[in-house]
Amino acid sequence: MKLTADARGVYPIAPTPFHDDGRIDAASIDRLVDFYLGIGATGLTVLGQLGEAAKLTHAEGVDVAGRMIRRASGLPVIVGVSAPGFAAMRELALEVLAAGAAGVMIAPPNTLRTDDQIVGYYRQAAETLGPDVPFVIQDYPLTFSVQMTPEVIRRIVDEQPSCMMLKHEDWPGLEKISALRAFEREAKMRRIAILCGNNGLFLDYEMARGADGANTGYAFPDMLCDVVRLVAAGEREAAHDLFDAHLPLLRYEQQPGVGLAVRKYLLMRRGLLASAALRRPAPALTATSRAEVEHLLRRLARHDARARLPAAG
């Protein structure tokens, strides 16, 4: 199975589960992937920013990706292979592709400044990986400090037939989606999949602008699946009602720096992770933060039964 430009739905970004002592938690990996399969996820992304990929050794990264790929039972799995150099990127990409990955995701280094530099970087990355390796552009200027205009993305897509998807995480970015879909309608760019990140914070209107779904790691990815299904069924107001109920928790989980700690805490509260541990160096949730998350869960439970969790221990 290879990633194609027809990808759509929800590709949750999987965290890497750890035990409290920093060891990788294989049992929680299996439980998490089974959950993604059960909620109707259409794909999966591993070793992304939220997978703490930079804190894993090469061997650990290959092992984590391989376990998730095997457990996903044929669901397309995208693996983040961003690296400071192309040699490391190629080595990881070839190993995870051999394990069954559907494609790879590449983020731009923060040294890129001009349009030509950005286009040239993806040209070299595609040449390094080879024409048969489908790849995803990760457009996340808030983290990578690299500004990709719609025209830059169009140039990359035009030059690289192996580019199949844009992970759209610009903010604000609704007009970018509209511009890219306009390129397609005007036959100025072939169609690619557009799945959106930013914790799904703008998914309600991103779908209306032409996005194909979500590629993010919110602790209630089942809600994201429901929103995408409701939009596809033409039930726009029902999609907005469900999304609006989750918005306060989405916002809280999206906080820079501490967001992944919040997400892992929520996934632990949902019984999917045995521990909320991040691998060091890592921030820790204070007792006050945990209390705020619990308050948000109680408020969400008024509208979505999935948030009605047993009392925290």
C-alpha atoms as a PDB file:
ATOM      1  CA  MET A   1       0.000   0.000   0.000  1.00  0.00           C
ATOM      2  CA  LYS A   2       1.345   3.406  -1.003  1.00  0.00           C
ATOM      3  CA  LEU A   3       0.085   6.836  -0.079  1.00  0.00           C
ATOM      4  CA  THR A   4      -1.815   8.516  -2.920  1.00  0.00           C
ATOM      5  CA  ALA A   5      -3.230  11.957  -3.569  1.00  0.00           C
ATOM      6  CA  ASP A   6      -6.697  10.529  -2.848  1.00  0.00           C
ATOM      7  CA  ALA A   7      -6.009  10.235   0.892  1.00  0.00           C
ATOM      8  CA  ARG A   8      -8.791  11.594   3.065  1.00  0.00           C
ATOM      9  CA  GLY A   9     -10.392  11.223   6.471  1.00  0.00           C
ATOM     10  CA  VAL A  10      -8.418  11.292   9.718  1.00  0.00           C
ATOM     11  CA  TYR A  11      -4.782  10.259  10.099  1.00  0.00           C
ATOM     12  CA  PRO A  12      -4.161  10.643  13.841  1.00  0.00           C
ATOM     13  CA  ILE A  13      -0.651  11.645  14.872  1.00  0.00           C
ATOM     14  CA  ALA A  14       0.341   8.897  17.275  1.00  0.00           C
ATOM     15  CA  PRO A  15       2.336   9.776  20.373  1.00  0.00           C
ATOM     16  CA  THR A  16       5.137   7.470  21.418  1.00  0.00           C
ATOM     17  CA  PRO A  17       4.105   5.838  24.710  1.00  0.00           C
ATOM     18  CA  PHE A  18       6.748   5.624  27.437  1.00  0.00           C
ATOM     19  CA  HIS A  19       6.912   4.020  30.842  1.00  0.00           C
ATOM     20  CA  ASP A  20       7.640   6.346  33.722  1.00  0.00           C
ATOM     21  CA  ASP A  21      11.344   5.476  33.479  1.00  0.00           C
ATOM     22  CA  GLY A  22      11.536   6.457  29.796  1.00  0.00           C
ATOM     23  CA  ARG A  23      11.385   2.984  28.255  1.00  0.00           C
ATOM     24  CA  ILE A  24       9.089   2.537  25.259  1.00  0.00           C
ATOM     25  CA  ASP A  25       5.728   1.030  26.251  1.00  0.00           C
ATOM     26  CA  ALA A  26       4.884  -1.601  23.612  1.00  0.00           C
ATOM     27  CA  ALA A  27       1.572  -2.608  25.190  1.00  0.00           C
ATOM     28  CA  SER A  28       0.306   0.977  25.037  1.00  0.00           C
ATOM     29  CA  ILE A  29       1.384   1.203  21.387  1.00  0.00           C
ATOM     30  CA  ASP A  30      -0.830  -1.789  20.602  1.00  0.00           C
ATOM     31  CA  ARG A  31      -3.754  -0.410  22.608  1.00  0.00           C
ATOM     32  CA  LEU A  32      -3.470   2.983  20.942  1.00  0.00           C
ATOM     33  CA  VAL A  33      -3.371   1.576  17.401  1.00  0.00           C
ATOM     34  CA  ASP A  34      -6.334  -0.718  18.148  1.00  0.00           C
ATOM     35  CA  PHE A  35      -8.247   2.359  19.305  1.00  0.00           C
ATOM     36  CA  TYR A  36      -7.445   4.232  16.085  1.00  0.00           C
ATOM     37  CA  LEU A  37      -8.677   1.271  14.061  1.00  0.00           C
ATOM     38  CA  GLY A  38     -11.870   1.093  16.100  1.00  0.00           C
ATOM     39  CA  ILE A  39     -12.863   4.734  15.665  1.00  0.00           C
ATOM     40  CA  GLY A  40     -12.608   4.657  11.881  1.00  0.00           C
ATOM     41  CA  ALA A  41      -9.293   6.401  11.319  1.00  0.00           C
ATOM     42  CA  THR A  42      -8.341   6.129   7.652  1.00  0.00           C
ATOM     43  CA  GLY A  43      -4.591   6.288   8.250  1.00  0.00           C
ATOM     44  CA  LEU A  44      -1.950   6.947  10.870  1.00  0.00           C
ATOM     45  CA  THR A  45       1.139   9.111  11.217  1.00  0.00           C
ATOM     46  CA  VAL A  46       4.020   8.136  13.499  1.00  0.00           C
ATOM     47  CA  LEU A  47       7.365   9.694  14.487  1.00  0.00           C
ATOM     48  CA  GLY A  48       6.041  13.197  14.036  1.00  0.00           C
ATOM     49  CA  GLN A  49       6.686  16.200  16.256  1.00  0.00           C
ATOM     50  CA  LEU A  50       4.171  14.804  18.737  1.00  0.00           C
ATOM     51  CA  GLY A  51       5.773  11.369  18.614  1.00  0.00           C
ATOM     52  CA  GLU A  52       8.906  12.788  20.266  1.00  0.00           C
ATOM     53  CA  ALA A  53      10.882  11.423  17.336  1.00  0.00           C
ATOM     54  CA  ALA A  54      13.900  13.584  18.130  1.00  0.00           C
ATOM     55  CA  LYS A  55      14.204  11.863  21.527  1.00  0.00           C
ATOM     56  CA  LEU A  56      14.370   8.360  20.007  1.00  0.00           C
ATOM     57  CA  THR A  57      17.452   6.584  18.760  1.00  0.00           C
ATOM     58  CA  HIS A  58      17.399   5.475  15.139  1.00  0.00           C
ATOM     59  CA  ALA A  59      16.779   1.873  16.177  1.00  0.00           C
ATOM     60  CA  GLU A  60      13.957   2.901  18.522  1.00  0.00           C
ATOM     61  CA  GLY A  61      12.314   4.944  15.781  1.00  0.00           C
ATOM     62  CA  VAL A  62      12.397   2.009  13.379  1.00  0.00           C
ATOM     63  CA  ASP A  63      11.033  -0.335  16.063  1.00  0.00           C
ATOM     64  CA  VAL A  64       8.193   2.002  17.067  1.00  0.00           C
ATOM     65  CA  ALA A  65       7.185   2.636  13.454  1.00  0.00           C
ATOM     66  CA  GLY A  66       7.403  -1.059  12.584  1.00  0.00           C
ATOM     67  CA  ARG A  67       5.240  -2.094  15.522  1.00  0.00           C
ATOM     68  CA  MET A  68       2.590   0.478  14.651  1.00  0.00           C
ATOM     69  CA  ILE A  69       2.632  -0.520  10.978  1.00  0.00           C
ATOM     70  CA  ARG A  70       2.163  -4.204  11.825  1.00  0.00           C
ATOM     71  CA  ARG A  71      -0.578  -3.476  14.340  1.00  0.00           C
ATOM     72  CA  ALA A  72      -2.412  -1.160  11.940  1.00  0.00           C
ATOM     73  CA  SER A  73      -3.405  -4.159   9.809  1.00  0.00           C
ATOM     74  CA  GLY A  74      -3.144  -2.559   6.402  1.00  0.00           C
ATOM     75  CA  LEU A  75      -4.122   0.988   7.395  1.00  0.00           C
ATOM     76  CA  PRO A  76      -1.782   3.373   5.548  1.00  0.00           C
ATOM     77  CA  VAL A  77       0.924   4.630   7.902  1.00  0.00           C
ATOM     78  CA  ILE A  78       2.957   7.762   7.230  1.00  0.00           C
ATOM     79  CA  VAL A  79       6.276   8.020   9.035  1.00  0.00           C
ATOM     80  CA  GLY A  80       8.026  11.277   9.839  1.00  0.00           C
ATOM     81  CA  VAL A  81      11.607  11.104   8.530  1.00  0.00           C
ATOM     82  CA  SER A  82      12.731  14.710   8.944  1.00  0.00           C
ATOM     83  CA  ALA A  83      16.425  14.895   9.801  1.00  0.00           C
ATOM     84  CA  PRO A  84      19.255  17.436   9.721  1.00  0.00           C
ATOM     85  CA  GLY A  85      20.849  15.612   6.790  1.00  0.00           C
ATOM     86  CA  PHE A  86      19.596  13.585   3.859  1.00  0.00           C
ATOM     87  CA  ALA A  87      21.702  10.523   4.670  1.00  0.00           C
ATOM     88  CA  ALA A  88      19.862   9.988   7.954  1.00  0.00           C
ATOM     89  CA  MET A  89      16.534  10.775   6.278  1.00  0.00           C
ATOM     90  CA  ARG A  90      17.136   8.201   3.544  1.00  0.00           C
ATOM     91  CA  GLU A  91      18.262   5.498   5.977  1.00  0.00           C
ATOM     92  CA  LEU A  92      15.156   5.870   8.146  1.00  0.00           C
ATOM     93  CA  ALA A  93      12.844   6.163   5.139  1.00  0.00           C
ATOM     94  CA  LEU A  94      14.130   2.996   3.497  1.00  0.00           C
ATOM     95  CA  GLU A  95      13.826   1.007   6.719  1.00  0.00           C
ATOM     96  CA  VAL A  96      10.262   2.044   7.482  1.00  0.00           C
ATOM     97  CA  LEU A  97       9.190   1.598   3.860  1.00  0.00           C
ATOM     98  CA  ALA A  98      10.603  -1.922   3.970  1.00  0.00           C
ATOM     99  CA  ALA A  99       8.473  -2.452   7.089  1.00  0.00           C
ATOM    100  CA  GLY A 100       5.349  -1.436   5.177  1.00  0.00           C
ATOM    101  CA  ALA A 101       5.003   2.339   5.575  1.00  0.00           C
ATOM    102  CA  ALA A 102       2.753   3.959   2.964  1.00  0.00           C
ATOM    103  CA  GLY A 103       4.817   7.134   2.721  1.00  0.00           C
ATOM    104  CA  VAL A 104       6.970   9.604   4.613  1.00  0.00           C
ATOM    105  CA  MET A 105       6.519  13.128   5.955  1.00  0.00           C
ATOM    106  CA  ILE A 106       9.200  15.773   5.522  1.00  0.00           C
ATOM    107  CA  ALA A 107       9.398  19.046   7.443  1.00  0.00           C
ATOM    108  CA  PRO A 108      11.612  21.888   6.187  1.00  0.00           C
ATOM    109  CA  PRO A 109      14.659  22.890   8.260  1.00  0.00           C
ATOM    110  CA  ASN A 110      14.358  26.308   9.865  1.00  0.00           C
ATOM    111  CA  THR A 111      17.336  27.597   7.881  1.00  0.00           C
ATOM    112  CA  LEU A 112      15.266  28.008   4.718  1.00  0.00           C
ATOM    113  CA  ARG A 113      14.262  31.582   3.978  1.00  0.00           C
ATOM    114  CA  THR A 114      13.597  32.151   0.273  1.00  0.00           C
ATOM    115  CA  ASP A 115      11.071  30.478  -1.985  1.00  0.00           C
ATOM    116  CA  ASP A 116      13.828  29.015  -4.140  1.00  0.00           C
ATOM    117  CA  GLN A 117      15.534  27.536  -1.082  1.00  0.00           C
ATOM    118  CA  ILE A 118      12.325  25.813  -0.006  1.00  0.00           C
ATOM    119  CA  VAL A 119      11.611  24.406  -3.465  1.00  0.00           C
ATOM    120  CA  GLY A 120      15.245  23.338  -3.806  1.00  0.00           C
ATOM    121  CA  TYR A 121      15.189  21.557  -0.451  1.00  0.00           C
ATOM    122  CA  TYR A 122      12.207  19.414  -1.406  1.00  0.00           C
ATOM    123  CA  ARG A 123      13.770  18.773  -4.823  1.00  0.00           C
ATOM    124  CA  GLN A 124      16.888  17.382  -3.159  1.00  0.00           C
ATOM    125  CA  ALA A 125      14.853  15.402  -0.615  1.00  0.00           C
ATOM    126  CA  ALA A 126      12.798  13.776  -3.374  1.00  0.00           C
ATOM    127  CA  GLU A 127      15.945  12.980  -5.364  1.00  0.00           C
ATOM    128  CA  THR A 128      17.517  11.436  -2.257  1.00  0.00           C
ATOM    129  CA  LEU A 129      14.514   9.241  -1.485  1.00  0.00           C
ATOM    130  CA  GLY A 130      13.794   8.306  -5.086  1.00  0.00           C
ATOM    131  CA  PRO A 131      10.752   8.728  -7.320  1.00  0.00           C
ATOM    132  CA  ASP A 132       8.847   5.778  -5.848  1.00  0.00           C
ATOM    133  CA  VAL A 133       8.677   7.141  -2.296  1.00  0.00           C
ATOM    134  CA  PRO A 134       5.436   9.087  -1.691  1.00  0.00           C
ATOM    135  CA  PHE A 135       5.965  12.058   0.582  1.00  0.00           C
ATOM    136  CA  VAL A 136       4.013  14.622   2.563  1.00  0.00           C
ATOM    137  CA  ILE A 137       4.986  18.291   2.868  1.00  0.00           C
ATOM    138  CA  GLN A 138       4.677  19.429   6.463  1.00  0.00           C
ATOM    139  CA  ASP A 139       3.831  23.122   6.383  1.00  0.00           C
ATOM    140  CA  TYR A 140       4.060  24.300  10.001  1.00  0.00           C
ATOM    141  CA  PRO A 141       5.543  27.815  10.073  1.00  0.00           C
ATOM    142  CA  LEU A 142       4.683  28.392  13.744  1.00  0.00           C
ATOM    143  CA  THR A 143       7.215  25.712  14.698  1.00  0.00           C
ATOM    144  CA  PHE A 144       9.645  25.591  11.773  1.00  0.00           C
ATOM    145  CA  SER A 145       9.718  29.344  10.961  1.00  0.00           C
ATOM    146  CA  VAL A 146       9.512  28.540   7.246  1.00  0.00           C
ATOM    147  CA  GLN A 147       6.840  30.400   5.295  1.00  0.00           C
ATOM    148  CA  MET A 148       5.475  28.458   2.323  1.00  0.00           C
ATOM    149  CA  THR A 149       3.200  30.460   0.055  1.00  0.00           C
ATOM    150  CA  PRO A 150       0.585  28.674  -2.073  1.00  0.00           C
ATOM    151  CA  GLU A 151       2.828  29.329  -5.085  1.00  0.00           C
ATOM    152  CA  VAL A 152       5.779  27.606  -3.402  1.00  0.00           C
ATOM    153  CA  ILE A 153       3.641  24.567  -2.638  1.00  0.00           C
ATOM    154  CA  ARG A 154       2.387  24.598  -6.236  1.00  0.00           C
ATOM    155  CA  ARG A 155       5.973  24.588  -7.502  1.00  0.00           C
ATOM    156  CA  ILE A 156       6.930  21.642  -5.283  1.00  0.00           C
ATOM    157  CA  VAL A 157       3.873  19.655  -6.358  1.00  0.00           C
ATOM    158  CA  ASP A 158       4.537  20.477 -10.012  1.00  0.00           C
ATOM    159  CA  GLU A 159       8.201  19.427  -9.824  1.00  0.00           C
ATOM    160  CA  GLN A 160       7.801  16.325  -7.662  1.00  0.00           C
ATOM    161  CA  PRO A 161       5.296  13.686  -8.811  1.00  0.00           C
ATOM    162  CA  SER A 162       5.966  11.769  -5.596  1.00  0.00           C
ATOM    163  CA  CYS A 163       4.445  14.583  -3.491  1.00  0.00           C
ATOM    164  CA  MET A 164       1.024  13.261  -2.511  1.00  0.00           C
ATOM    165  CA  MET A 165      -0.139  15.293   0.462  1.00  0.00           C
ATOM    166  CA  LEU A 166       0.157  18.600   2.258  1.00  0.00           C
ATOM    167  CA  LYS A 167      -0.023  18.560   6.028  1.00  0.00           C
ATOM    168  CA  HIS A 168      -1.451  22.034   6.415  1.00  0.00           C
ATOM    169  CA  GLU A 169      -0.626  23.738   9.711  1.00  0.00           C
ATOM    170  CA  ASP A 170      -0.361  27.380   8.792  1.00  0.00           C
ATOM    171  CA  TRP A 171      -2.144  29.806  11.080  1.00  0.00           C
ATOM    172  CA  PRO A 172      -4.090  31.603   9.789  1.00  0.00           C
ATOM    173  CA  GLY A 173      -4.280  29.311   6.808  1.00  0.00           C
ATOM    174  CA  LEU A 174      -7.815  29.116   5.474  1.00  0.00           C
ATOM    175  CA  GLU A 175      -7.000  31.324   2.500  1.00  0.00           C
ATOM    176  CA  LYS A 176      -4.040  29.068   1.653  1.00  0.00           C
ATOM    177  CA  ILE A 177      -6.365  26.071   1.293  1.00  0.00           C
ATOM    178  CA  SER A 178      -8.686  28.099  -0.922  1.00  0.00           C
ATOM    179  CA  ALA A 179      -5.771  29.238  -3.082  1.00  0.00           C
ATOM    180  CA  LEU A 180      -4.468  25.694  -3.574  1.00  0.00           C
ATOM    181  CA  ARG A 181      -7.883  24.342  -4.507  1.00  0.00           C
ATOM    182  CA  ALA A 182      -8.272  27.269  -6.925  1.00  0.00           C
ATOM    183  CA  PHE A 183      -4.988  26.260  -8.586  1.00  0.00           C
ATOM    184  CA  GLU A 184      -6.466  22.795  -9.095  1.00  0.00           C
ATOM    185  CA  ARG A 185      -9.747  24.069 -10.543  1.00  0.00           C
ATOM    186  CA  GLU A 186      -7.810  26.274 -12.946  1.00  0.00           C
ATOM    187  CA  ALA A 187      -5.604  23.304 -13.960  1.00  0.00           C
ATOM    188  CA  LYS A 188      -2.514  25.093 -12.624  1.00  0.00           C
ATOM    189  CA  MET A 189      -1.722  22.294 -10.178  1.00  0.00           C
ATOM    190  CA  ARG A 190      -2.563  18.605  -9.969  1.00  0.00           C
ATOM    191  CA  ARG A 191      -4.717  17.593  -7.057  1.00  0.00           C
ATOM    192  CA  ILE A 192      -3.077  16.512  -3.820  1.00  0.00           C
ATOM    193  CA  ALA A 193      -4.576  15.530  -0.494  1.00  0.00           C
ATOM    194  CA  ILE A 194      -4.745  18.263   2.132  1.00  0.00           C
ATOM    195  CA  LEU A 195      -5.004  17.068   5.719  1.00  0.00           C
ATOM    196  CA  CYS A 196      -4.833  19.593   8.525  1.00  0.00           C
ATOM    197  CA  GLY A 197      -2.948  19.774  11.797  1.00  0.00           C
ATOM    198  CA  ASN A 198      -2.888  22.453  14.506  1.00  0.00           C
ATOM    199  CA  ASN A 199      -4.682  19.994  16.791  1.00  0.00           C
ATOM    200  CA  GLY A 200      -7.742  20.326  14.571  1.00  0.00           C
ATOM    201  CA  LEU A 201      -8.266  23.835  15.921  1.00  0.00           C
ATOM    202  CA  PHE A 202      -9.679  25.135  12.633  1.00  0.00           C
ATOM    203  CA  LEU A 203     -10.976  21.873  11.175  1.00  0.00           C
ATOM    204  CA  ASP A 204     -14.584  23.036  10.998  1.00  0.00           C
ATOM    205  CA  TYR A 205     -13.823  25.700   8.420  1.00  0.00           C
ATOM    206  CA  GLU A 206     -10.824  23.961   6.872  1.00  0.00           C
ATOM    207  CA  MET A 207     -13.184  21.251   5.661  1.00  0.00           C
ATOM    208  CA  ALA A 208     -15.434  23.900   4.126  1.00  0.00           C
ATOM    209  CA  ARG A 209     -12.419  25.377   2.313  1.00  0.00           C
ATOM    210  CA  GLY A 210     -11.558  22.060   0.666  1.00  0.00           C
ATOM    211  CA  ALA A 211      -9.430  20.105   3.147  1.00  0.00           C
ATOM    212  CA  ASP A 212      -9.782  16.327   2.976  1.00  0.00           C
ATOM    213  CA  GLY A 213      -9.593  15.732   6.721  1.00  0.00           C
ATOM    214  CA  ALA A 214      -7.331  15.922   9.748  1.00  0.00           C
ATOM    215  CA  ASN A 215      -3.755  14.843  10.412  1.00  0.00           C
ATOM    216  CA  THR A 216      -3.278  15.758  14.036  1.00  0.00           C
ATOM    217  CA  GLY A 217      -3.083  14.339  17.527  1.00  0.00           C
ATOM    218  CA  TYR A 218      -6.000  15.653  19.611  1.00  0.00           C
ATOM    219  CA  ALA A 219      -6.760  13.295  22.501  1.00  0.00           C
ATOM    220  CA  PHE A 220     -10.291  12.752  21.132  1.00  0.00           C
ATOM    221  CA  PRO A 221      -9.511  11.753  17.520  1.00  0.00           C
ATOM    222  CA  ASP A 222     -12.867   9.981  17.465  1.00  0.00           C
ATOM    223  CA  MET A 223     -14.457  13.442  17.527  1.00  0.00           C
ATOM    224  CA  LEU A 224     -12.356  14.459  14.528  1.00  0.00           C
ATOM    225  CA  CYS A 225     -13.538  11.337  12.685  1.00  0.00           C
ATOM    226  CA  ASP A 226     -17.136  12.234  13.500  1.00  0.00           C
ATOM    227  CA  VAL A 227     -16.727  15.807  12.280  1.00  0.00           C
ATOM    228  CA  VAL A 228     -15.229  14.660   8.977  1.00  0.00           C
ATOM    229  CA  ARG A 229     -18.032  12.118   8.501  1.00  0.00           C
ATOM    230  CA  LEU A 230     -20.731  14.667   9.327  1.00  0.00           C
ATOM    231  CA  VAL A 231     -19.292  17.163   6.844  1.00  0.00           C
ATOM    232  CA  ALA A 232     -19.139  14.482   4.143  1.00  0.00           C
ATOM    233  CA  ALA A 233     -22.789  13.646   4.856  1.00  0.00           C
ATOM    234  CA  GLY A 234     -23.811  17.290   4.457  1.00  0.00           C
ATOM    235  CA  GLU A 235     -24.643  17.682   8.159  1.00  0.00           C
ATOM    236  CA  ARG A 236     -22.710  20.893   8.578  1.00  0.00           C
ATOM    237  CA  GLU A 237     -24.465  22.274  11.657  1.00  0.00           C
ATOM    238  CA  ALA A 238     -24.214  18.966  13.507  1.00  0.00           C
ATOM    239  CA  ALA A 239     -20.485  18.946  12.722  1.00  0.00           C
ATOM    240  CA  HIS A 240     -20.117  22.473  14.109  1.00  0.00           C
ATOM    241  CA  ASP A 241     -22.118  21.641  17.241  1.00  0.00           C
ATOM    242  CA  LEU A 242     -19.864  18.686  18.047  1.00  0.00           C
ATOM    243  CA  PHE A 243     -16.705  20.622  17.219  1.00  0.00           C
ATOM    244  CA  ASP A 244     -17.778  23.606  19.319  1.00  0.00           C
ATOM    245  CA  ALA A 245     -18.288  21.394  22.372  1.00  0.00           C
ATOM    246  CA  HIS A 246     -14.656  20.244  22.152  1.00  0.00           C
ATOM    247  CA  LEU A 247     -13.150  23.625  21.315  1.00  0.00           C
ATOM    248  CA  PRO A 248     -12.192  24.689  24.883  1.00  0.00           C
ATOM    249  CA  LEU A 249     -10.292  21.426  25.426  1.00  0.00           C
ATOM    250  CA  LEU A 250      -8.759  21.617  21.940  1.00  0.00           C
ATOM    251  CA  ARG A 251      -7.515  25.112  22.744  1.00  0.00           C
ATOM    252  CA  TYR A 252      -6.044  24.044  26.067  1.00  0.00           C
ATOM    253  CA  GLU A 253      -4.284  21.069  24.528  1.00  0.00           C
ATOM    254  CA  GLN A 254      -2.806  23.239  21.780  1.00  0.00           C
ATOM    255  CA  GLN A 255      -0.678  25.300  24.159  1.00  0.00           C
ATOM    256  CA  PRO A 256       2.959  25.452  22.964  1.00  0.00           C
ATOM    257  CA  GLY A 257       5.411  23.647  25.185  1.00  0.00           C
ATOM    258  CA  VAL A 258       2.969  21.892  27.475  1.00  0.00           C
ATOM    259  CA  GLY A 259       0.433  20.672  24.891  1.00  0.00           C
ATOM    260  CA  LEU A 260       1.860  17.182  24.483  1.00  0.00           C
ATOM    261  CA  ALA A 261       1.890  16.697  28.243  1.00  0.00           C
ATOM    262  CA  VAL A 262      -1.802  17.606  28.308  1.00  0.00           C
ATOM    263  CA  ARG A 263      -2.521  15.230  25.430  1.00  0.00           C
ATOM    264  CA  LYS A 264      -0.718  12.312  27.008  1.00  0.00           C
ATOM    265  CA  TYR A 265      -2.488  12.951  30.301  1.00  0.00           C
ATOM    266  CA  LEU A 266      -5.844  12.835  28.507  1.00  0.00           C
ATOM    267  CA  LEU A 267      -4.924   9.676  26.622  1.00  0.00           C
ATOM    268  CA  MET A 268      -3.922   8.102  29.919  1.00  0.00           C
ATOM    269  CA  ARG A 269      -7.235   9.191  31.456  1.00  0.00           C
ATOM    270  CA  ARG A 270      -9.011   7.536  28.513  1.00  0.00           C
ATOM    271  CA  GLY A 271      -7.200   4.282  29.299  1.00  0.00           C
ATOM    272  CA  LEU A 272      -5.098   4.264  26.137  1.00  0.00           C
ATOM    273  CA  LEU A 273      -1.703   4.998  27.680  1.00  0.00           C
ATOM    274  CA  ALA A 274      -0.460   3.352  30.854  1.00  0.00           C
ATOM    275  CA  SER A 275       1.551   6.469  31.687  1.00  0.00           C
ATOM    276  CA  ALA A 276       1.442  10.114  30.667  1.00  0.00           C
ATOM    277  CA  ALA A 277       5.243  10.240  30.700  1.00  0.00           C
ATOM    278  CA  LEU A 278       7.226  12.209  28.133  1.00  0.00           C
ATOM    279  CA  ARG A 279      10.838  11.334  27.510  1.00  0.00           C
ATOM    280  CA  ARG A 280      13.222  13.863  29.013  1.00  0.00           C
ATOM    281  CA  PRO A 281      13.821  16.701  28.594  1.00  0.00           C
ATOM    282  CA  ALA A 282      10.137  17.368  29.054  1.00  0.00           C
ATOM    283  CA  PRO A 283       7.720  19.670  30.878  1.00  0.00           C
ATOM    284  CA  ALA A 284       5.525  18.279  33.617  1.00  0.00           C
ATOM    285  CA  LEU A 285       1.887  19.124  34.275  1.00  0.00           C
ATOM    286  CA  THR A 286       1.377  20.912  37.554  1.00  0.00           C
ATOM    287  CA  ALA A 287      -1.445  19.959  39.907  1.00  0.00           C
ATOM    288  CA  THR A 288      -3.198  23.174  38.859  1.00  0.00           C
ATOM    289  CA  SER A 289      -2.976  22.251  35.169  1.00  0.00           C
ATOM    290  CA  ARG A 290      -4.356  18.773  35.822  1.00  0.00           C
ATOM    291  CA  ALA A 291      -7.254  20.291  37.751  1.00  0.00           C
ATOM    292  CA  GLU A 292      -8.008  22.598  34.833  1.00  0.00           C
ATOM    293  CA  VAL A 293      -7.989  19.667  32.402  1.00  0.00           C
ATOM    294  CA  GLU A 294     -10.358  17.749  34.680  1.00  0.00           C
ATOM    295  CA  HIS A 295     -12.669  20.764  34.777  1.00  0.00           C
ATOM    296  CA  LEU A 296     -12.678  20.925  30.989  1.00  0.00           C
ATOM    297  CA  LEU A 297     -13.451  17.191  30.802  1.00  0.00           C
ATOM    298  CA  ARG A 298     -16.437  17.598  33.113  1.00  0.00           C
ATOM    299  CA  ARG A 299     -17.761  20.452  31.018  1.00  0.00           C
ATOM    300  CA  LEU A 300     -17.241  18.494  27.799  1.00  0.00           C
ATOM    301  CA  ALA A 301     -19.051  15.485  29.290  1.00  0.00           C
ATOM    302  CA  ARG A 302     -22.264  17.536  29.308  1.00  0.00           C
ATOM    303  CA  HIS A 303     -22.237  17.333  25.509  1.00  0.00           C
ATOM    304  CA  ASP A 304     -20.140  14.247  24.660  1.00  0.00           C
ATOM    305  CA  ALA A 305     -20.388  11.055  26.694  1.00  0.00           C
ATOM    306  CA  ARG A 306     -16.861  10.054  25.667  1.00  0.00           C
ATOM    307  CA  ALA A 307     -15.550  12.598  28.153  1.00  0.00           C
ATOM    308  CA  ARG A 308     -17.375  10.947  31.069  1.00  0.00           C
ATOM    309  CA  LEU A 309     -14.344   9.260  32.561  1.00  0.00           C
ATOM    310  CA  PRO A 310     -13.881   7.623  35.950  1.00  0.00           C
ATOM    311  CA  ALA A 311     -12.594   9.960  38.617  1.00  0.00           C
ATOM    312  CA  ALA A 312      -8.858  10.589  38.419  1.00  0.00           C
ATOM    313  CA  GLY A 313      -6.799   8.579  40.888  1.00  0.00           C
END
